[in-house]
Amino acid sequence: QVRLRESGGGLVQAGDSLRLTCIASGRAYGMGWFRQASGKEREFVASMNWAGTSPSYGDAIKDRFTISRTGAGTGAGNTLYLQMTQLKPEDTAVYYCAAATTNRAGTQSNEYRYWGQGTQVTVSS
């Protein structure tokens, strides 16, 4: 069983930066961030495998967001981060942390078993 707790969301202005944090209790393998804007489908943001290598990014946020994690390759103490820069109003969404039961970190939400409650990010223009 893996529990995920996100934090770091908030209200910011366009062009600002935010860092989201996801603390995992239990053994988290591949981990990722997804987001869901009001009235839209859940969207892949970024992911990183258990080794802490091979990050993947969604096209909408590439070159603006950076994913990282601590505790890579270990059984505990996994914390996942999402550093967001040059935020845009279209980045407004609830951001979810997810953890898989395999070492890889895919881009599809159905590859992840565990989910956090989400943290709201609102970017004003």
C-alpha atoms as a PDB file:
ATOM      1  CA  GLN A   1       0.000   0.000   0.000  1.00  0.00           C
ATOM      2  CA  VAL A   2       1.336   3.421  -0.946  1.00  0.00           C
ATOM      3  CA  ARG A   3      -0.096   6.682   0.312  1.00  0.00           C
ATOM      4  CA  LEU A   4       0.655   9.926  -1.488  1.00  0.00           C
ATOM      5  CA  ARG A   5       0.278  13.433  -0.154  1.00  0.00           C
ATOM      6  CA  GLU A   6       0.707  16.461  -2.390  1.00  0.00           C
ATOM      7  CA  SER A   7       1.403  20.019  -1.332  1.00  0.00           C
ATOM      8  CA  GLY A   8       2.625  23.283  -2.804  1.00  0.00           C
ATOM      9  CA  GLY A   9      -0.312  24.372  -4.918  1.00  0.00           C
ATOM     10  CA  GLY A  10      -1.708  27.863  -4.793  1.00  0.00           C
ATOM     11  CA  LEU A  11      -2.743  30.989  -6.650  1.00  0.00           C
ATOM     12  CA  VAL A  12      -0.023  32.666  -8.679  1.00  0.00           C
ATOM     13  CA  GLN A  13       0.275  35.065 -11.574  1.00  0.00           C
ATOM     14  CA  ALA A  14       1.278  34.210 -15.114  1.00  0.00           C
ATOM     15  CA  GLY A  15       5.047  33.922 -15.384  1.00  0.00           C
ATOM     16  CA  ASP A  16       5.495  32.880 -11.749  1.00  0.00           C
ATOM     17  CA  SER A  17       6.967  29.624 -10.478  1.00  0.00           C
ATOM     18  CA  LEU A  18       5.724  26.986  -8.041  1.00  0.00           C
ATOM     19  CA  ARG A  19       7.119  23.754  -6.703  1.00  0.00           C
ATOM     20  CA  LEU A  20       4.812  20.856  -5.957  1.00  0.00           C
ATOM     21  CA  THR A  21       5.821  18.145  -3.502  1.00  0.00           C
ATOM     22  CA  CYS A  22       4.491  14.630  -3.166  1.00  0.00           C
ATOM     23  CA  ILE A  23       5.486  12.572  -0.149  1.00  0.00           C
ATOM     24  CA  ALA A  24       5.065   8.839  -0.548  1.00  0.00           C
ATOM     25  CA  SER A  25       4.658   6.447   2.347  1.00  0.00           C
ATOM     26  CA  GLY A  26       5.342   2.894   1.380  1.00  0.00           C
ATOM     27  CA  ARG A  27       7.335   1.572  -1.529  1.00  0.00           C
ATOM     28  CA  ALA A  28       6.749   3.781  -4.554  1.00  0.00           C
ATOM     29  CA  TYR A  29       8.247   2.656  -7.849  1.00  0.00           C
ATOM     30  CA  GLY A  30       7.602   4.699 -10.976  1.00  0.00           C
ATOM     31  CA  MET A  31       5.995   8.003 -10.075  1.00  0.00           C
ATOM     32  CA  GLY A  32       4.349  10.754 -12.021  1.00  0.00           C
ATOM     33  CA  TRP A  33       2.310  13.925 -12.074  1.00  0.00           C
ATOM     34  CA  PHE A  34      -0.993  14.339 -13.840  1.00  0.00           C
ATOM     35  CA  ARG A  35      -3.364  17.272 -13.909  1.00  0.00           C
ATOM     36  CA  GLN A  36      -7.033  17.789 -14.531  1.00  0.00           C
ATOM     37  CA  ALA A  37      -8.567  21.095 -15.425  1.00  0.00           C
ATOM     38  CA  SER A  38     -12.244  21.711 -14.801  1.00  0.00           C
ATOM     39  CA  GLY A  39     -14.343  19.966 -17.435  1.00  0.00           C
ATOM     40  CA  LYS A  40     -11.365  18.271 -19.081  1.00  0.00           C
ATOM     41  CA  GLU A  41      -9.748  14.850 -19.130  1.00  0.00           C
ATOM     42  CA  ARG A  42      -6.874  14.031 -16.827  1.00  0.00           C
ATOM     43  CA  GLU A  43      -3.629  14.925 -18.588  1.00  0.00           C
ATOM     44  CA  PHE A  44      -0.124  13.531 -18.248  1.00  0.00           C
ATOM     45  CA  VAL A  45       2.387  16.081 -16.977  1.00  0.00           C
ATOM     46  CA  ALA A  46       5.620  14.303 -16.102  1.00  0.00           C
ATOM     47  CA  SER A  47       6.995  11.029 -14.780  1.00  0.00           C
ATOM     48  CA  MET A  48      10.177   9.472 -13.511  1.00  0.00           C
ATOM     49  CA  ASN A  49      11.148   5.840 -13.043  1.00  0.00           C
ATOM     50  CA  TRP A  50      12.200   4.210  -9.802  1.00  0.00           C
ATOM     51  CA  ALA A  51      15.880   4.754 -10.528  1.00  0.00           C
ATOM     52  CA  GLY A  52      15.293   8.486 -10.786  1.00  0.00           C
ATOM     53  CA  THR A  53      16.294   8.580 -14.413  1.00  0.00           C
ATOM     54  CA  SER A  54      14.582   8.895 -17.772  1.00  0.00           C
ATOM     55  CA  PRO A  55      12.111  11.694 -17.035  1.00  0.00           C
ATOM     56  CA  SER A  56       9.193  12.068 -19.407  1.00  0.00           C
ATOM     57  CA  TYR A  57       7.187  15.220 -20.014  1.00  0.00           C
ATOM     58  CA  GLY A  58       3.926  16.114 -21.608  1.00  0.00           C
ATOM     59  CA  ASP A  59       4.132  18.341 -24.663  1.00  0.00           C
ATOM     60  CA  ALA A  60       2.173  21.166 -23.032  1.00  0.00           C
ATOM     61  CA  ILE A  61       4.730  21.700 -20.263  1.00  0.00           C
ATOM     62  CA  LYS A  62       7.985  20.583 -21.828  1.00  0.00           C
ATOM     63  CA  ASP A  63      10.911  22.947 -21.142  1.00  0.00           C
ATOM     64  CA  ARG A  64       8.940  24.732 -18.386  1.00  0.00           C
ATOM     65  CA  PHE A  65       8.471  22.017 -15.767  1.00  0.00           C
ATOM     66  CA  THR A  66      11.080  19.744 -14.182  1.00  0.00           C
ATOM     67  CA  ILE A  67      10.399  16.530 -12.306  1.00  0.00           C
ATOM     68  CA  SER A  68      12.752  15.134  -9.693  1.00  0.00           C
ATOM     69  CA  ARG A  69      12.640  12.706  -6.798  1.00  0.00           C
ATOM     70  CA  THR A  70      14.530  11.712  -3.679  1.00  0.00           C
ATOM     71  CA  GLY A  71      14.891   8.167  -2.449  1.00  0.00           C
ATOM     72  CA  ALA A  72      15.279   6.863  -5.987  1.00  0.00           C
ATOM     73  CA  GLY A  73      16.087   3.180  -6.085  1.00  0.00           C
ATOM     74  CA  THR A  74      15.347   2.653  -2.411  1.00  0.00           C
ATOM     75  CA  GLY A  75      12.406   1.193  -0.610  1.00  0.00           C
ATOM     76  CA  ALA A  76      11.323   4.252   1.291  1.00  0.00           C
ATOM     77  CA  GLY A  77      11.660   7.990   1.657  1.00  0.00           C
ATOM     78  CA  ASN A  78      10.404   8.754  -1.806  1.00  0.00           C
ATOM     79  CA  THR A  79       9.496  12.353  -2.388  1.00  0.00           C
ATOM     80  CA  LEU A  80       8.515  13.552  -5.831  1.00  0.00           C
ATOM     81  CA  TYR A  81       8.814  17.170  -6.915  1.00  0.00           C
ATOM     82  CA  LEU A  82       7.509  19.175  -9.808  1.00  0.00           C
ATOM     83  CA  GLN A  83       9.229  22.490 -10.357  1.00  0.00           C
ATOM     84  CA  MET A  84       6.969  24.636 -12.495  1.00  0.00           C
ATOM     85  CA  THR A  85       8.229  27.806 -14.153  1.00  0.00           C
ATOM     86  CA  GLN A  86       6.774  30.297 -16.624  1.00  0.00           C
ATOM     87  CA  LEU A  87       3.300  29.354 -15.495  1.00  0.00           C
ATOM     88  CA  LYS A  88       0.427  30.137 -17.805  1.00  0.00           C
ATOM     89  CA  PRO A  89      -3.325  30.427 -17.148  1.00  0.00           C
ATOM     90  CA  GLU A  90      -3.805  27.186 -19.090  1.00  0.00           C
ATOM     91  CA  ASP A  91      -1.735  25.417 -16.431  1.00  0.00           C
ATOM     92  CA  THR A  92      -4.616  25.941 -14.008  1.00  0.00           C
ATOM     93  CA  ALA A  93      -5.731  22.518 -12.796  1.00  0.00           C
ATOM     94  CA  VAL A  94      -5.731  20.083  -9.921  1.00  0.00           C
ATOM     95  CA  TYR A  95      -2.366  18.357  -9.936  1.00  0.00           C
ATOM     96  CA  TYR A  96      -2.201  14.725  -8.850  1.00  0.00           C
ATOM     97  CA  CYS A  97       0.737  12.631  -7.798  1.00  0.00           C
ATOM     98  CA  ALA A  98       0.655   8.975  -8.833  1.00  0.00           C
ATOM     99  CA  ALA A  99       2.714   5.883  -8.100  1.00  0.00           C
ATOM    100  CA  ALA A 100       3.018   2.698 -10.100  1.00  0.00           C
ATOM    101  CA  THR A 101       3.762  -0.852  -9.013  1.00  0.00           C
ATOM    102  CA  THR A 102       6.486  -1.273 -11.627  1.00  0.00           C
ATOM    103  CA  ASN A 103       9.860   0.385 -12.026  1.00  0.00           C
ATOM    104  CA  ARG A 104       8.947   2.254 -15.162  1.00  0.00           C
ATOM    105  CA  ALA A 105       6.890   5.434 -15.225  1.00  0.00           C
ATOM    106  CA  GLY A 106       4.489   5.608 -18.140  1.00  0.00           C
ATOM    107  CA  THR A 107       2.395   8.417 -19.531  1.00  0.00           C
ATOM    108  CA  GLN A 108      -1.026   6.809 -19.184  1.00  0.00           C
ATOM    109  CA  SER A 109      -3.050   7.192 -16.005  1.00  0.00           C
ATOM    110  CA  ASN A 110      -4.093   3.527 -16.037  1.00  0.00           C
ATOM    111  CA  GLU A 111      -0.449   2.548 -15.498  1.00  0.00           C
ATOM    112  CA  TYR A 112      -0.595   3.958 -11.983  1.00  0.00           C
ATOM    113  CA  ARG A 113      -2.251   2.258  -9.040  1.00  0.00           C
ATOM    114  CA  TYR A 114      -1.951   4.850  -6.302  1.00  0.00           C
ATOM    115  CA  TRP A 115      -3.106   8.443  -6.373  1.00  0.00           C
ATOM    116  CA  GLY A 116      -2.963  11.411  -4.076  1.00  0.00           C
ATOM    117  CA  GLN A 117      -5.854  13.722  -3.335  1.00  0.00           C
ATOM    118  CA  GLY A 118      -4.516  16.479  -5.559  1.00  0.00           C
ATOM    119  CA  THR A 119      -3.427  20.059  -5.060  1.00  0.00           C
ATOM    120  CA  GLN A 120      -4.980  23.022  -6.814  1.00  0.00           C
ATOM    121  CA  VAL A 121      -2.837  25.288  -8.962  1.00  0.00           C
ATOM    122  CA  THR A 122      -4.455  28.458 -10.240  1.00  0.00           C
ATOM    123  CA  VAL A 123      -2.636  30.828 -12.561  1.00  0.00           C
ATOM    124  CA  SER A 124      -4.153  34.249 -13.125  1.00  0.00           C
ATOM    125  CA  SER A 125      -3.452  36.303 -16.222  1.00  0.00           C
END
